[in-house]
């Protein structure tokens, strides 16, 4: 098993992004002008690692530009993920909305 201390997984990174988007929506609740939250495109550099302790045997770690652990069985890839925030009912999210996804 690899030492995962200090490493950030792709799932954890996207969860943190989701929390930040929600926080920015809530922070604008007292604003008079609202915006529809459109597509958010995020780009990550990830290290792909074969792992016996993960279902499917593959784990993605977010790395900084030029970052790598130097291990030969790992490689760095650029992943671009378009995300379109929606409410549970499928409607678009508005900044300052009282109906923030929980």
PDB file of N, CA and C in Angstrom:
ATOM      1  N   UNK A   1       0.844  -1.197   0.000  1.00  0.00           N
ATOM      2  CA  UNK A   1       0.000   0.000   0.000  1.00  0.00           C
ATOM      3  C   UNK A   1       0.877   1.245   0.000  1.00  0.00           C
ATOM      4  N   UNK A   2       0.516   2.231  -0.810  1.00  0.00           N
ATOM      5  CA  UNK A   2       1.296   3.461  -0.913  1.00  0.00           C
ATOM      6  C   UNK A   2       1.000   4.393   0.252  1.00  0.00           C
ATOM      7  N   UNK A   3       1.965   5.232   0.555  1.00  0.00           N
ATOM      8  CA  UNK A   3       1.757   6.227   1.598  1.00  0.00           C
ATOM      9  C   UNK A   3       0.986   7.393   0.994  1.00  0.00           C
ATOM     10  N   UNK A   4      -0.294   7.525   1.348  1.00  0.00           N
ATOM     11  CA  UNK A   4      -1.169   8.538   0.760  1.00  0.00           C
ATOM     12  C   UNK A   4      -1.209   9.837   1.546  1.00  0.00           C
ATOM     13  N   UNK A   5      -0.431   9.936   2.625  1.00  0.00           N
ATOM     14  CA  UNK A   5      -0.446  11.139   3.449  1.00  0.00           C
ATOM     15  C   UNK A   5       0.039  12.327   2.620  1.00  0.00           C
ATOM     16  N   UNK A   6      -0.737  13.408   2.640  1.00  0.00           N
ATOM     17  CA  UNK A   6      -0.360  14.613   1.920  1.00  0.00           C
ATOM     18  C   UNK A   6      -0.758  14.605   0.454  1.00  0.00           C
ATOM     19  N   UNK A   7      -1.264  13.503  -0.053  1.00  0.00           N
ATOM     20  CA  UNK A   7      -1.693  13.429  -1.450  1.00  0.00           C
ATOM     21  C   UNK A   7      -3.179  13.782  -1.529  1.00  0.00           C
ATOM     22  N   UNK A   8      -3.562  14.393  -2.615  1.00  0.00           N
ATOM     23  CA  UNK A   8      -4.953  14.813  -2.779  1.00  0.00           C
ATOM     24  C   UNK A   8      -5.556  14.040  -3.951  1.00  0.00           C
ATOM     25  N   UNK A   9      -6.609  13.289  -3.652  1.00  0.00           N
ATOM     26  CA  UNK A   9      -7.290  12.517  -4.681  1.00  0.00           C
ATOM     27  C   UNK A   9      -8.201  13.392  -5.520  1.00  0.00           C
ATOM     28  N   UNK A  10      -8.513  12.922  -6.720  1.00  0.00           N
ATOM     29  CA  UNK A  10      -9.394  13.658  -7.617  1.00  0.00           C
ATOM     30  C   UNK A  10     -10.779  13.824  -6.999  1.00  0.00           C
ATOM     31  N   UNK A  11     -11.292  12.787  -6.350  1.00  0.00           N
ATOM     32  CA  UNK A  11     -12.613  12.866  -5.708  1.00  0.00           C
ATOM     33  C   UNK A  11     -12.636  13.944  -4.635  1.00  0.00           C
ATOM     34  N   UNK A  12     -11.604  13.989  -3.810  1.00  0.00           N
ATOM     35  CA  UNK A  12     -11.510  14.999  -2.747  1.00  0.00           C
ATOM     36  C   UNK A  12     -11.406  16.408  -3.332  1.00  0.00           C
ATOM     37  N   UNK A  13     -10.687  16.549  -4.433  1.00  0.00           N
ATOM     38  CA  UNK A  13     -10.516  17.842  -5.084  1.00  0.00           C
ATOM     39  C   UNK A  13     -11.844  18.365  -5.625  1.00  0.00           C
ATOM     40  N   UNK A  14     -12.611  17.504  -6.294  1.00  0.00           N
ATOM     41  CA  UNK A  14     -13.905  17.922  -6.842  1.00  0.00           C
ATOM     42  C   UNK A  14     -14.891  18.229  -5.717  1.00  0.00           C
ATOM     43  N   UNK A  15     -14.839  17.461  -4.620  1.00  0.00           N
ATOM     44  CA  UNK A  15     -15.707  17.739  -3.466  1.00  0.00           C
ATOM     45  C   UNK A  15     -15.383  19.119  -2.877  1.00  0.00           C
ATOM     46  N   UNK A  16     -14.103  19.465  -2.798  1.00  0.00           N
ATOM     47  CA  UNK A  16     -13.703  20.783  -2.284  1.00  0.00           C
ATOM     48  C   UNK A  16     -14.177  21.891  -3.224  1.00  0.00           C
ATOM     49  N   UNK A  17     -14.090  21.655  -4.528  1.00  0.00           N
ATOM     50  CA  UNK A  17     -14.576  22.622  -5.507  1.00  0.00           C
ATOM     51  C   UNK A  17     -16.076  22.832  -5.336  1.00  0.00           C
ATOM     52  N   UNK A  18     -16.815  21.744  -5.135  1.00  0.00           N
ATOM     53  CA  UNK A  18     -18.267  21.841  -4.924  1.00  0.00           C
ATOM     54  C   UNK A  18     -18.568  22.702  -3.699  1.00  0.00           C
ATOM     55  N   UNK A  19     -17.833  22.487  -2.598  1.00  0.00           N
ATOM     56  CA  UNK A  19     -18.045  23.282  -1.380  1.00  0.00           C
ATOM     57  C   UNK A  19     -17.754  24.759  -1.626  1.00  0.00           C
ATOM     58  N   UNK A  20     -16.704  25.051  -2.393  1.00  0.00           N
ATOM     59  CA  UNK A  20     -16.345  26.438  -2.692  1.00  0.00           C
ATOM     60  C   UNK A  20     -17.416  27.114  -3.540  1.00  0.00           C
ATOM     61  N   UNK A  21     -17.958  26.405  -4.514  1.00  0.00           N
ATOM     62  CA  UNK A  21     -19.015  26.975  -5.350  1.00  0.00           C
ATOM     63  C   UNK A  21     -20.245  27.271  -4.501  1.00  0.00           C
ATOM     64  N   UNK A  22     -20.629  26.338  -3.633  1.00  0.00           N
ATOM     65  CA  UNK A  22     -21.779  26.547  -2.748  1.00  0.00           C
ATOM     66  C   UNK A  22     -21.528  27.745  -1.831  1.00  0.00           C
ATOM     67  N   UNK A  23     -20.325  27.853  -1.277  1.00  0.00           N
ATOM     68  CA  UNK A  23     -19.999  28.980  -0.389  1.00  0.00           C
ATOM     69  C   UNK A  23     -20.104  30.306  -1.132  1.00  0.00           C
ATOM     70  N   UNK A  24     -19.678  30.337  -2.391  1.00  0.00           N
ATOM     71  CA  UNK A  24     -19.764  31.589  -3.146  1.00  0.00           C
ATOM     72  C   UNK A  24     -21.214  31.946  -3.469  1.00  0.00           C
ATOM     73  N   UNK A  25     -22.059  30.945  -3.672  1.00  0.00           N
ATOM     74  CA  UNK A  25     -23.486  31.189  -3.917  1.00  0.00           C
ATOM     75  C   UNK A  25     -24.138  31.759  -2.659  1.00  0.00           C
ATOM     76  N   UNK A  26     -23.852  31.146  -1.525  1.00  0.00           N
ATOM     77  CA  UNK A  26     -24.423  31.594  -0.252  1.00  0.00           C
ATOM     78  C   UNK A  26     -23.933  33.004   0.083  1.00  0.00           C
ATOM     79  N   UNK A  27     -22.667  33.294  -0.187  1.00  0.00           N
ATOM     80  CA  UNK A  27     -22.094  34.609   0.137  1.00  0.00           C
ATOM     81  C   UNK A  27     -22.775  35.744  -0.626  1.00  0.00           C
ATOM     82  N   UNK A  28     -23.404  35.426  -1.733  1.00  0.00           N
ATOM     83  CA  UNK A  28     -24.031  36.485  -2.531  1.00  0.00           C
ATOM     84  C   UNK A  28     -25.532  36.612  -2.282  1.00  0.00           C
ATOM     85  N   UNK A  29     -26.042  36.046  -1.209  1.00  0.00           N
ATOM     86  CA  UNK A  29     -27.486  36.073  -0.943  1.00  0.00           C
ATOM     87  C   UNK A  29     -28.054  37.477  -0.759  1.00  0.00           C
ATOM     88  N   UNK A  30     -27.266  38.409  -0.272  1.00  0.00           N
ATOM     89  CA  UNK A  30     -27.777  39.760  -0.041  1.00  0.00           C
ATOM     90  C   UNK A  30     -27.548  40.688  -1.235  1.00  0.00           C
ATOM     91  N   UNK A  31     -26.996  40.169  -2.301  1.00  0.00           N
ATOM     92  CA  UNK A  31     -26.747  40.982  -3.487  1.00  0.00           C
ATOM     93  C   UNK A  31     -28.032  41.160  -4.287  1.00  0.00           C
ATOM     94  N   UNK A  32     -28.185  42.315  -4.913  1.00  0.00           N
ATOM     95  CA  UNK A  32     -29.387  42.578  -5.711  1.00  0.00           C
ATOM     96  C   UNK A  32     -29.315  41.935  -7.088  1.00  0.00           C
ATOM     97  N   UNK A  33     -28.110  41.747  -7.599  1.00  0.00           N
ATOM     98  CA  UNK A  33     -27.932  41.162  -8.922  1.00  0.00           C
ATOM     99  C   UNK A  33     -27.508  39.702  -8.769  1.00  0.00           C
ATOM    100  N   UNK A  34     -28.217  38.819  -9.439  1.00  0.00           N
ATOM    101  CA  UNK A  34     -27.892  37.390  -9.388  1.00  0.00           C
ATOM    102  C   UNK A  34     -27.383  36.944 -10.755  1.00  0.00           C
ATOM    103  N   UNK A  35     -26.617  35.888 -10.744  1.00  0.00           N
ATOM    104  CA  UNK A  35     -26.117  35.285 -11.969  1.00  0.00           C
ATOM    105  C   UNK A  35     -26.516  33.818 -11.988  1.00  0.00           C
ATOM    106  N   UNK A  36     -26.779  33.315 -13.180  1.00  0.00           N
ATOM    107  CA  UNK A  36     -26.968  31.883 -13.316  1.00  0.00           C
ATOM    108  C   UNK A  36     -25.581  31.263 -13.343  1.00  0.00           C
ATOM    109  N   UNK A  37     -25.388  30.236 -12.548  1.00  0.00           N
ATOM    110  CA  UNK A  37     -24.097  29.557 -12.525  1.00  0.00           C
ATOM    111  C   UNK A  37     -24.043  28.663 -13.756  1.00  0.00           C
ATOM    112  N   UNK A  38     -23.166  28.994 -14.673  1.00  0.00           N
ATOM    113  CA  UNK A  38     -23.029  28.226 -15.908  1.00  0.00           C
ATOM    114  C   UNK A  38     -22.008  27.120 -15.759  1.00  0.00           C
ATOM    115  N   UNK A  39     -21.596  26.610 -16.884  1.00  0.00           N
ATOM    116  CA  UNK A  39     -20.635  25.512 -16.871  1.00  0.00           C
ATOM    117  C   UNK A  39     -19.316  25.964 -16.262  1.00  0.00           C
ATOM    118  N   UNK A  40     -18.775  25.128 -15.416  1.00  0.00           N
ATOM    119  CA  UNK A  40     -17.483  25.362 -14.787  1.00  0.00           C
ATOM    120  C   UNK A  40     -16.525  24.330 -15.385  1.00  0.00           C
ATOM    121  N   UNK A  41     -15.466  24.794 -16.009  1.00  0.00           N
ATOM    122  CA  UNK A  41     -14.493  23.872 -16.578  1.00  0.00           C
ATOM    123  C   UNK A  41     -13.248  23.903 -15.716  1.00  0.00           C
ATOM    124  N   UNK A  42     -12.866  22.736 -15.225  1.00  0.00           N
ATOM    125  CA  UNK A  42     -11.669  22.636 -14.395  1.00  0.00           C
ATOM    126  C   UNK A  42     -10.654  21.740 -15.095  1.00  0.00           C
ATOM    127  N   UNK A  43      -9.416  22.094 -14.932  1.00  0.00           N
ATOM    128  CA  UNK A  43      -8.342  21.322 -15.537  1.00  0.00           C
ATOM    129  C   UNK A  43      -7.383  20.888 -14.438  1.00  0.00           C
ATOM    130  N   UNK A  44      -7.077  19.626 -14.419  1.00  0.00           N
ATOM    131  CA  UNK A  44      -6.181  19.071 -13.418  1.00  0.00           C
ATOM    132  C   UNK A  44      -5.027  18.356 -14.094  1.00  0.00           C
ATOM    133  N   UNK A  45      -3.905  18.337 -13.429  1.00  0.00           N
ATOM    134  CA  UNK A  45      -2.829  17.430 -13.796  1.00  0.00           C
ATOM    135  C   UNK A  45      -2.898  16.318 -12.763  1.00  0.00           C
ATOM    136  N   UNK A  46      -3.065  15.111 -13.237  1.00  0.00           N
ATOM    137  CA  UNK A  46      -3.228  13.984 -12.328  1.00  0.00           C
ATOM    138  C   UNK A  46      -2.144  12.950 -12.561  1.00  0.00           C
ATOM    139  N   UNK A  47      -1.809  12.295 -11.490  1.00  0.00           N
ATOM    140  CA  UNK A  47      -0.889  11.166 -11.529  1.00  0.00           C
ATOM    141  C   UNK A  47      -1.753   9.910 -11.498  1.00  0.00           C
ATOM    142  N   UNK A  48      -1.550   9.039 -12.440  1.00  0.00           N
ATOM    143  CA  UNK A  48      -2.319   7.808 -12.511  1.00  0.00           C
ATOM    144  C   UNK A  48      -1.461   6.704 -11.913  1.00  0.00           C
ATOM    145  N   UNK A  49      -2.049   5.997 -10.951  1.00  0.00           N
ATOM    146  CA  UNK A  49      -1.282   4.978 -10.241  1.00  0.00           C
ATOM    147  C   UNK A  49      -2.091   3.684 -10.173  1.00  0.00           C
ATOM    148  N   UNK A  50      -1.445   2.592 -10.465  1.00  0.00           N
ATOM    149  CA  UNK A  50      -2.074   1.290 -10.305  1.00  0.00           C
ATOM    150  C   UNK A  50      -2.017   0.950  -8.822  1.00  0.00           C
ATOM    151  N   UNK A  51      -3.165   0.585  -8.261  1.00  0.00           N
ATOM    152  CA  UNK A  51      -3.248   0.361  -6.824  1.00  0.00           C
ATOM    153  C   UNK A  51      -4.084  -0.870  -6.527  1.00  0.00           C
ATOM    154  N   UNK A  52      -3.579  -1.733  -5.681  1.00  0.00           N
ATOM    155  CA  UNK A  52      -4.295  -2.954  -5.314  1.00  0.00           C
ATOM    156  C   UNK A  52      -5.411  -2.677  -4.318  1.00  0.00           C
ATOM    157  N   UNK A  53      -5.331  -1.571  -3.567  1.00  0.00           N
ATOM    158  CA  UNK A  53      -6.314  -1.294  -2.520  1.00  0.00           C
ATOM    159  C   UNK A  53      -7.510  -0.470  -3.004  1.00  0.00           C
ATOM    160  N   UNK A  54      -7.600  -0.172  -4.306  1.00  0.00           N
ATOM    161  CA  UNK A  54      -8.703   0.601  -4.854  1.00  0.00           C
ATOM    162  C   UNK A  54      -9.463  -0.287  -5.836  1.00  0.00           C
ATOM    163  N   UNK A  55     -10.796  -0.307  -5.735  1.00  0.00           N
ATOM    164  CA  UNK A  55     -11.605  -1.087  -6.663  1.00  0.00           C
ATOM    165  C   UNK A  55     -11.324  -0.606  -8.084  1.00  0.00           C
ATOM    166  N   UNK A  56     -11.007  -1.518  -8.955  1.00  0.00           N
ATOM    167  CA  UNK A  56     -10.650  -1.153 -10.319  1.00  0.00           C
ATOM    168  C   UNK A  56      -9.151  -1.017 -10.498  1.00  0.00           C
ATOM    169  N   UNK A  57      -8.419  -0.904  -9.397  1.00  0.00           N
ATOM    170  CA  UNK A  57      -6.965  -0.899  -9.463  1.00  0.00           C
ATOM    171  C   UNK A  57      -6.307   0.384  -9.929  1.00  0.00           C
ATOM    172  N   UNK A  58      -7.059   1.457 -10.131  1.00  0.00           N
ATOM    173  CA  UNK A  58      -6.480   2.721 -10.597  1.00  0.00           C
ATOM    174  C   UNK A  58      -6.858   3.834  -9.617  1.00  0.00           C
ATOM    175  N   UNK A  59      -5.897   4.701  -9.306  1.00  0.00           N
ATOM    176  CA  UNK A  59      -6.134   5.845  -8.425  1.00  0.00           C
ATOM    177  C   UNK A  59      -5.596   7.091  -9.117  1.00  0.00           C
ATOM    178  N   UNK A  60      -6.342   8.207  -9.028  1.00  0.00           N
ATOM    179  CA  UNK A  60      -5.922   9.476  -9.613  1.00  0.00           C
ATOM    180  C   UNK A  60      -5.552  10.431  -8.489  1.00  0.00           C
ATOM    181  N   UNK A  61      -4.356  10.991  -8.544  1.00  0.00           N
ATOM    182  CA  UNK A  61      -3.894  11.979  -7.570  1.00  0.00           C
ATOM    183  C   UNK A  61      -3.677  13.293  -8.288  1.00  0.00           C
ATOM    184  N   UNK A  62      -4.199  14.386  -7.748  1.00  0.00           N
ATOM    185  CA  UNK A  62      -3.997  15.706  -8.339  1.00  0.00           C
ATOM    186  C   UNK A  62      -2.594  16.165  -7.967  1.00  0.00           C
ATOM    187  N   UNK A  63      -1.849  16.639  -8.966  1.00  0.00           N
ATOM    188  CA  UNK A  63      -0.480  17.100  -8.730  1.00  0.00           C
ATOM    189  C   UNK A  63      -0.327  18.513  -9.278  1.00  0.00           C
ATOM    190  N   UNK A  64       0.666  19.215  -8.798  1.00  0.00           N
ATOM    191  CA  UNK A  64       0.966  20.544  -9.318  1.00  0.00           C
ATOM    192  C   UNK A  64       1.669  20.420 -10.654  1.00  0.00           C
ATOM    193  N   UNK A  65       1.757  21.529 -11.367  1.00  0.00           N
ATOM    194  CA  UNK A  65       2.448  21.505 -12.647  1.00  0.00           C
ATOM    195  C   UNK A  65       3.871  21.012 -12.472  1.00  0.00           C
ATOM    196  N   UNK A  66       4.236  20.067 -13.288  1.00  0.00           N
ATOM    197  CA  UNK A  66       5.582  19.507 -13.206  1.00  0.00           C
ATOM    198  C   UNK A  66       5.774  18.582 -12.035  1.00  0.00           C
ATOM    199  N   UNK A  67       4.722  18.321 -11.260  1.00  0.00           N
ATOM    200  CA  UNK A  67       4.844  17.485 -10.079  1.00  0.00           C
ATOM    201  C   UNK A  67       4.787  16.014 -10.403  1.00  0.00           C
ATOM    202  N   UNK A  68       5.576  15.259  -9.710  1.00  0.00           N
ATOM    203  CA  UNK A  68       5.560  13.804  -9.845  1.00  0.00           C
ATOM    204  C   UNK A  68       6.375  13.229  -8.714  1.00  0.00           C
ATOM    205  N   UNK A  69       6.021  12.037  -8.329  1.00  0.00           N
ATOM    206  CA  UNK A  69       6.770  11.386  -7.265  1.00  0.00           C
ATOM    207  C   UNK A  69       8.038  10.751  -7.792  1.00  0.00           C
ATOM    208  N   UNK A  70       8.165  10.695  -9.120  1.00  0.00           N
ATOM    209  CA  UNK A  70       9.361  10.127  -9.710  1.00  0.00           C
ATOM    210  C   UNK A  70       9.327   8.617  -9.846  1.00  0.00           C
ATOM    211  N   UNK A  71       8.276   7.956  -9.421  1.00  0.00           N
ATOM    212  CA  UNK A  71       8.182   6.522  -9.529  1.00  0.00           C
ATOM    213  C   UNK A  71       7.886   6.144 -10.976  1.00  0.00           C
ATOM    214  N   UNK A  72       8.561   5.118 -11.497  1.00  0.00           N
ATOM    215  CA  UNK A  72       8.459   4.768 -12.905  1.00  0.00           C
ATOM    216  C   UNK A  72       7.093   4.239 -13.320  1.00  0.00           C
ATOM    217  N   UNK A  73       6.316   3.638 -12.432  1.00  0.00           N
ATOM    218  CA  UNK A  73       5.036   3.057 -12.834  1.00  0.00           C
ATOM    219  C   UNK A  73       3.880   4.062 -12.759  1.00  0.00           C
ATOM    220  N   UNK A  74       4.188   5.334 -12.650  1.00  0.00           N
ATOM    221  CA  UNK A  74       3.171   6.383 -12.586  1.00  0.00           C
ATOM    222  C   UNK A  74       3.372   7.330 -13.760  1.00  0.00           C
ATOM    223  N   UNK A  75       2.304   7.969 -14.196  1.00  0.00           N
ATOM    224  CA  UNK A  75       2.438   8.940 -15.265  1.00  0.00           C
ATOM    225  C   UNK A  75       1.502  10.113 -14.989  1.00  0.00           C
ATOM    226  N   UNK A  76       1.855  11.268 -15.569  1.00  0.00           N
ATOM    227  CA  UNK A  76       1.079  12.489 -15.362  1.00  0.00           C
ATOM    228  C   UNK A  76       0.234  12.745 -16.613  1.00  0.00           C
ATOM    229  N   UNK A  77      -1.041  13.050 -16.389  1.00  0.00           N
ATOM    230  CA  UNK A  77      -1.961  13.330 -17.480  1.00  0.00           C
ATOM    231  C   UNK A  77      -2.735  14.604 -17.164  1.00  0.00           C
ATOM    232  N   UNK A  78      -3.118  15.321 -18.215  1.00  0.00           N
ATOM    233  CA  UNK A  78      -3.976  16.496 -18.050  1.00  0.00           C
ATOM    234  C   UNK A  78      -5.411  16.034 -18.267  1.00  0.00           C
ATOM    235  N   UNK A  79      -6.284  16.367 -17.305  1.00  0.00           N
ATOM    236  CA  UNK A  79      -7.689  16.002 -17.382  1.00  0.00           C
ATOM    237  C   UNK A  79      -8.504  17.283 -17.313  1.00  0.00           C
ATOM    238  N   UNK A  80      -9.380  17.489 -18.286  1.00  0.00           N
ATOM    239  CA  UNK A  80     -10.271  18.640 -18.281  1.00  0.00           C
ATOM    240  C   UNK A  80     -11.684  18.120 -18.069  1.00  0.00           C
ATOM    241  N   UNK A  81     -12.363  18.671 -17.060  1.00  0.00           N
ATOM    242  CA  UNK A  81     -13.699  18.195 -16.704  1.00  0.00           C
ATOM    243  C   UNK A  81     -14.681  19.365 -16.735  1.00  0.00           C
ATOM    244  N   UNK A  82     -15.655  19.330 -17.653  1.00  0.00           N
ATOM    245  CA  UNK A  82     -16.708  20.349 -17.624  1.00  0.00           C
ATOM    246  C   UNK A  82     -17.786  19.942 -16.611  1.00  0.00           C
ATOM    247  N   UNK A  83     -18.159  20.852 -15.750  1.00  0.00           N
ATOM    248  CA  UNK A  83     -19.181  20.592 -14.739  1.00  0.00           C
ATOM    249  C   UNK A  83     -20.284  21.634 -14.896  1.00  0.00           C
ATOM    250  N   UNK A  84     -21.538  21.209 -14.883  1.00  0.00           N
ATOM    251  CA  UNK A  84     -22.651  22.151 -14.981  1.00  0.00           C
ATOM    252  C   UNK A  84     -23.474  22.022 -13.705  1.00  0.00           C
ATOM    253  N   UNK A  85     -23.327  22.964 -12.773  1.00  0.00           N
ATOM    254  CA  UNK A  85     -24.084  22.898 -11.522  1.00  0.00           C
ATOM    255  C   UNK A  85     -25.587  22.968 -11.764  1.00  0.00           C
ATOM    256  N   UNK A  86     -26.314  22.036 -11.184  1.00  0.00           N
ATOM    257  CA  UNK A  86     -27.768  22.004 -11.262  1.00  0.00           C
ATOM    258  C   UNK A  86     -28.338  21.751  -9.875  1.00  0.00           C
ATOM    259  N   UNK A  87     -29.556  22.256  -9.665  1.00  0.00           N
ATOM    260  CA  UNK A  87     -30.257  21.922  -8.430  1.00  0.00           C
ATOM    261  C   UNK A  87     -30.752  20.480  -8.552  1.00  0.00           C
ATOM    262  N   UNK A  88     -31.231  19.925  -7.458  1.00  0.00           N
ATOM    263  CA  UNK A  88     -31.745  18.546  -7.483  1.00  0.00           C
ATOM    264  C   UNK A  88     -32.904  18.372  -8.449  1.00  0.00           C
ATOM    265  N   UNK A  89     -33.659  19.448  -8.672  1.00  0.00           N
ATOM    266  CA  UNK A  89     -34.791  19.351  -9.597  1.00  0.00           C
ATOM    267  C   UNK A  89     -34.360  19.563 -11.051  1.00  0.00           C
ATOM    268  N   UNK A  90     -33.060  19.694 -11.290  1.00  0.00           N
ATOM    269  CA  UNK A  90     -32.532  19.840 -12.642  1.00  0.00           C
ATOM    270  C   UNK A  90     -32.493  21.269 -13.153  1.00  0.00           C
ATOM    271  N   UNK A  91     -32.983  22.219 -12.377  1.00  0.00           N
ATOM    272  CA  UNK A  91     -32.982  23.628 -12.791  1.00  0.00           C
ATOM    273  C   UNK A  91     -31.602  24.237 -12.518  1.00  0.00           C
ATOM    274  N   UNK A  92     -31.271  25.331 -13.231  1.00  0.00           N
ATOM    275  CA  UNK A  92     -29.972  25.967 -13.014  1.00  0.00           C
ATOM    276  C   UNK A  92     -29.865  26.588 -11.625  1.00  0.00           C
ATOM    277  N   UNK A  93     -28.660  26.739 -11.161  1.00  0.00           N
ATOM    278  CA  UNK A  93     -28.368  27.353  -9.869  1.00  0.00           C
ATOM    279  C   UNK A  93     -28.149  28.841 -10.102  1.00  0.00           C
ATOM    280  N   UNK A  94     -28.712  29.681  -9.226  1.00  0.00           N
ATOM    281  CA  UNK A  94     -28.500  31.118  -9.277  1.00  0.00           C
ATOM    282  C   UNK A  94     -27.654  31.544  -8.089  1.00  0.00           C
ATOM    283  N   UNK A  95     -26.749  32.500  -8.308  1.00  0.00           N
ATOM    284  CA  UNK A  95     -26.011  33.040  -7.172  1.00  0.00           C
ATOM    285  C   UNK A  95     -26.999  33.714  -6.237  1.00  0.00           C
ATOM    286  N   UNK A  96     -26.735  33.675  -4.968  1.00  0.00           N
ATOM    287  CA  UNK A  96     -27.627  34.280  -3.994  1.00  0.00           C
ATOM    288  C   UNK A  96     -28.913  33.512  -3.785  1.00  0.00           C
ATOM    289  N   UNK A  97     -29.014  32.333  -4.346  1.00  0.00           N
ATOM    290  CA  UNK A  97     -30.220  31.547  -4.289  1.00  0.00           C
ATOM    291  C   UNK A  97     -30.496  31.024  -2.877  1.00  0.00           C
ATOM    292  N   UNK A  98     -31.753  30.984  -2.507  1.00  0.00           N
ATOM    293  CA  UNK A  98     -32.144  30.363  -1.248  1.00  0.00           C
ATOM    294  C   UNK A  98     -32.184  28.841  -1.391  1.00  0.00           C
ATOM    295  N   UNK A  99     -32.151  28.371  -2.627  1.00  0.00           N
ATOM    296  CA  UNK A  99     -32.236  26.952  -2.898  1.00  0.00           C
ATOM    297  C   UNK A  99     -30.868  26.408  -3.286  1.00  0.00           C
ATOM    298  N   UNK A 100     -29.920  26.528  -2.364  1.00  0.00           N
ATOM    299  CA  UNK A 100     -28.551  26.058  -2.591  1.00  0.00           C
ATOM    300  C   UNK A 100     -28.520  24.548  -2.378  1.00  0.00           C
ATOM    301  N   UNK A 101     -27.874  23.810  -3.290  1.00  0.00           N
ATOM    302  CA  UNK A 101     -27.767  22.365  -3.087  1.00  0.00           C
ATOM    303  C   UNK A 101     -27.101  22.053  -1.761  1.00  0.00           C
ATOM    304  N   UNK A 102     -27.622  21.086  -1.044  1.00  0.00           N
ATOM    305  CA  UNK A 102     -27.039  20.706   0.248  1.00  0.00           C
ATOM    306  C   UNK A 102     -26.233  19.461   0.112  1.00  0.00           C
TER     307      UNK A 102
END
